Each structure stands twice: as structure tokens, then as C-alpha cells.
Amino acid sequence: MPVIKRYLNRKLYDTNAKQYITLDGIAELIRAGDEIQVVDNATGEDITAVTLSQIIFEREKKQSGFLP
């Protein structure tokens, strides 16, 4: 399971690939069937649900069907 670390500057780092990743990159991992975990680097808190919500929001914002 890929572990993504979120730093204070809001950058996301994929510890398996050893490179920075975007929200779109995380969405691609999920579409490929990977289960991911996103943790806050400073606190160690699991923020996977918050990140997935952010991905959904950004996707809806880009499409014409923006959520009310």
C-alpha cells in the first residue's frame, strides 16, 4: 500500500515511488486499484479521507457539474 506524506507546505510525497505526487497522481493510483494511505508528516495523523474528499471536489470543480 503506497503511503503518501503531506508536508506543511501542502506538498504530497509518495514514499514508495520516492517522488512528489499531485492530487491527480493519487487519483490515478486509486483508479489503478491501489489502496493508499495519506498521513500528515508533522503529526502522523491519517488524513486519507480528507485527501480523497479534496480529489473529488477538485474533479467536480473541473467538470461542468460543480457541486452546489
N, C-alpha and C. Protein backbone atom coordinates (compact mmCIF):
# COMPACT_ATOMS: atom_id res chain seq x y z
N MET A 1 0.85 -1.17 0.00
CA MET A 1 0.00 0.00 0.00
C MET A 1 0.89 1.23 0.00
N PRO A 2 0.74 2.07 -1.03
CA PRO A 2 1.52 3.31 -1.06
C PRO A 2 1.15 4.24 0.11
N VAL A 3 2.16 4.77 0.73
CA VAL A 3 1.96 5.75 1.80
C VAL A 3 2.38 7.10 1.25
N ILE A 4 1.46 8.06 1.33
CA ILE A 4 1.72 9.41 0.85
C ILE A 4 1.86 10.30 2.08
N LYS A 5 2.94 11.07 2.14
CA LYS A 5 3.13 12.01 3.24
C LYS A 5 2.79 13.41 2.78
N ARG A 6 2.03 14.12 3.61
CA ARG A 6 1.68 15.51 3.30
C ARG A 6 2.51 16.41 4.22
N TYR A 7 3.27 17.31 3.62
CA TYR A 7 4.12 18.21 4.38
C TYR A 7 3.41 19.53 4.67
N LEU A 8 3.99 20.34 5.53
CA LEU A 8 3.39 21.61 5.93
C LEU A 8 3.14 22.54 4.76
N ASN A 9 3.97 22.47 3.73
CA ASN A 9 3.80 23.31 2.54
C ASN A 9 2.77 22.71 1.57
N ARG A 10 2.02 21.72 2.03
CA ARG A 10 0.95 21.04 1.29
C ARG A 10 1.45 20.17 0.15
N LYS A 11 2.75 19.93 0.07
CA LYS A 11 3.26 19.02 -0.94
C LYS A 11 3.01 17.59 -0.49
N LEU A 12 2.74 16.73 -1.47
CA LEU A 12 2.47 15.32 -1.21
C LEU A 12 3.65 14.51 -1.73
N TYR A 13 4.14 13.57 -0.91
CA TYR A 13 5.31 12.77 -1.27
C TYR A 13 4.96 11.30 -1.21
N ASP A 14 5.12 10.61 -2.33
CA ASP A 14 4.88 9.17 -2.42
C ASP A 14 6.14 8.46 -1.93
N THR A 15 6.03 7.78 -0.78
CA THR A 15 7.21 7.15 -0.19
C THR A 15 7.63 5.90 -0.95
N ASN A 16 6.70 5.26 -1.67
CA ASN A 16 7.07 4.07 -2.46
C ASN A 16 7.84 4.47 -3.72
N ALA A 17 7.34 5.48 -4.43
CA ALA A 17 7.99 5.92 -5.67
C ALA A 17 9.15 6.89 -5.39
N LYS A 18 9.22 7.37 -4.15
CA LYS A 18 10.26 8.32 -3.73
C LYS A 18 10.27 9.58 -4.61
N GLN A 19 9.06 10.16 -4.79
CA GLN A 19 8.92 11.40 -5.54
C GLN A 19 7.65 12.11 -5.12
N TYR A 20 7.60 13.39 -5.42
CA TYR A 20 6.40 14.16 -5.12
C TYR A 20 5.29 13.74 -6.07
N ILE A 21 4.05 13.87 -5.60
CA ILE A 21 2.89 13.45 -6.38
C ILE A 21 1.80 14.50 -6.24
N THR A 22 0.97 14.62 -7.26
CA THR A 22 -0.14 15.57 -7.23
C THR A 22 -1.43 14.85 -6.84
N LEU A 23 -2.48 15.62 -6.63
CA LEU A 23 -3.79 15.02 -6.36
C LEU A 23 -4.23 14.17 -7.55
N ASP A 24 -3.94 14.63 -8.76
CA ASP A 24 -4.27 13.85 -9.96
C ASP A 24 -3.50 12.53 -9.98
N GLY A 25 -2.27 12.57 -9.53
CA GLY A 25 -1.47 11.36 -9.45
C GLY A 25 -2.04 10.36 -8.46
N ILE A 26 -2.53 10.87 -7.34
CA ILE A 26 -3.16 9.99 -6.34
C ILE A 26 -4.43 9.40 -6.92
N ALA A 27 -5.20 10.21 -7.65
CA ALA A 27 -6.43 9.72 -8.29
C ALA A 27 -6.11 8.60 -9.27
N GLU A 28 -5.02 8.73 -10.01
CA GLU A 28 -4.61 7.68 -10.94
C GLU A 28 -4.26 6.40 -10.21
N LEU A 29 -3.57 6.50 -9.08
CA LEU A 29 -3.25 5.31 -8.28
C LEU A 29 -4.52 4.59 -7.86
N ILE A 30 -5.51 5.37 -7.42
CA ILE A 30 -6.77 4.78 -6.96
C ILE A 30 -7.50 4.12 -8.12
N ARG A 31 -7.53 4.78 -9.28
CA ARG A 31 -8.18 4.20 -10.46
C ARG A 31 -7.49 2.90 -10.90
N ALA A 32 -6.19 2.81 -10.64
CA ALA A 32 -5.43 1.61 -10.99
C ALA A 32 -5.67 0.48 -9.99
N GLY A 33 -6.43 0.77 -8.93
CA GLY A 33 -6.77 -0.27 -7.96
C GLY A 33 -5.90 -0.29 -6.71
N ASP A 34 -5.01 0.66 -6.58
CA ASP A 34 -4.16 0.71 -5.39
C ASP A 34 -4.92 1.29 -4.21
N GLU A 35 -4.69 0.73 -3.04
CA GLU A 35 -5.18 1.34 -1.81
C GLU A 35 -4.07 2.22 -1.30
N ILE A 36 -4.42 3.43 -0.89
CA ILE A 36 -3.40 4.36 -0.43
C ILE A 36 -3.69 4.80 1.00
N GLN A 37 -2.68 5.34 1.62
CA GLN A 37 -2.84 5.96 2.93
C GLN A 37 -2.09 7.29 2.88
N VAL A 38 -2.76 8.35 3.32
CA VAL A 38 -2.14 9.67 3.34
C VAL A 38 -1.99 10.07 4.80
N VAL A 39 -0.77 10.42 5.19
CA VAL A 39 -0.51 10.82 6.57
C VAL A 39 0.12 12.20 6.61
N ASP A 40 -0.22 12.94 7.65
CA ASP A 40 0.40 14.25 7.88
C ASP A 40 1.80 13.98 8.41
N ASN A 41 2.81 14.53 7.77
CA ASN A 41 4.19 14.26 8.17
C ASN A 41 4.51 14.78 9.57
N ALA A 42 3.94 15.92 9.95
CA ALA A 42 4.27 16.52 11.25
C ALA A 42 3.62 15.78 12.40
N THR A 43 2.35 15.37 12.24
CA THR A 43 1.62 14.77 13.36
C THR A 43 1.46 13.26 13.25
N GLY A 44 1.61 12.72 12.04
CA GLY A 44 1.39 11.30 11.83
C GLY A 44 -0.08 10.93 11.70
N GLU A 45 -0.95 11.94 11.69
CA GLU A 45 -2.39 11.72 11.60
C GLU A 45 -2.77 11.20 10.21
N ASP A 46 -3.68 10.24 10.18
CA ASP A 46 -4.18 9.70 8.92
C ASP A 46 -5.18 10.70 8.32
N ILE A 47 -4.85 11.26 7.17
CA ILE A 47 -5.71 12.25 6.51
C ILE A 47 -6.16 11.75 5.14
N THR A 48 -6.28 10.44 5.00
CA THR A 48 -6.69 9.85 3.73
C THR A 48 -8.07 10.33 3.31
N ALA A 49 -9.04 10.31 4.23
CA ALA A 49 -10.41 10.71 3.90
C ALA A 49 -10.47 12.17 3.45
N VAL A 50 -9.73 13.03 4.11
CA VAL A 50 -9.70 14.45 3.75
C VAL A 50 -9.12 14.61 2.35
N THR A 51 -8.07 13.89 2.05
CA THR A 51 -7.41 13.99 0.74
C THR A 51 -8.32 13.46 -0.36
N LEU A 52 -9.01 12.35 -0.11
CA LEU A 52 -9.92 11.80 -1.11
C LEU A 52 -11.08 12.76 -1.36
N SER A 53 -11.57 13.40 -0.32
CA SER A 53 -12.63 14.41 -0.48
C SER A 53 -12.13 15.56 -1.33
N GLN A 54 -10.89 15.97 -1.11
CA GLN A 54 -10.30 17.06 -1.88
C GLN A 54 -10.19 16.67 -3.36
N ILE A 55 -9.84 15.42 -3.64
CA ILE A 55 -9.73 14.94 -5.02
C ILE A 55 -11.10 14.99 -5.69
N ILE A 56 -12.13 14.53 -4.99
CA ILE A 56 -13.49 14.55 -5.54
C ILE A 56 -13.93 15.99 -5.81
N PHE A 57 -13.67 16.88 -4.86
CA PHE A 57 -14.06 18.28 -5.03
C PHE A 57 -13.37 18.90 -6.23
N GLU A 58 -12.07 18.68 -6.37
CA GLU A 58 -11.32 19.25 -7.49
C GLU A 58 -11.81 18.69 -8.82
N ARG A 59 -12.15 17.42 -8.85
CA ARG A 59 -12.65 16.80 -10.08
C ARG A 59 -14.00 17.41 -10.47
N GLU A 60 -14.88 17.58 -9.51
CA GLU A 60 -16.19 18.18 -9.77
C GLU A 60 -16.05 19.64 -10.21
N LYS A 61 -15.08 20.33 -9.63
CA LYS A 61 -14.86 21.73 -9.98
C LYS A 61 -14.41 21.86 -11.43
N LYS A 62 -13.62 20.92 -11.90
CA LYS A 62 -13.12 20.96 -13.28
C LYS A 62 -14.21 20.63 -14.29
N GLN A 63 -15.16 19.80 -13.87
CA GLN A 63 -16.24 19.43 -14.77
C GLN A 63 -17.37 20.46 -14.68
N SER A 64 -18.28 20.37 -15.58
CA SER A 64 -19.39 21.34 -15.58
C SER A 64 -20.37 21.09 -14.45
N GLY A 65 -20.41 19.88 -13.91
CA GLY A 65 -21.34 19.54 -12.85
C GLY A 65 -20.80 19.88 -11.47
N PHE A 66 -20.46 21.14 -11.27
CA PHE A 66 -19.91 21.58 -9.98
C PHE A 66 -20.92 21.34 -8.86
N LEU A 67 -20.45 20.79 -7.78
CA LEU A 67 -21.32 20.51 -6.63
C LEU A 67 -21.86 21.81 -6.04
N PRO A 68 -23.13 21.83 -5.62
CA PRO A 68 -23.67 23.06 -5.02
C PRO A 68 -23.13 23.28 -3.62
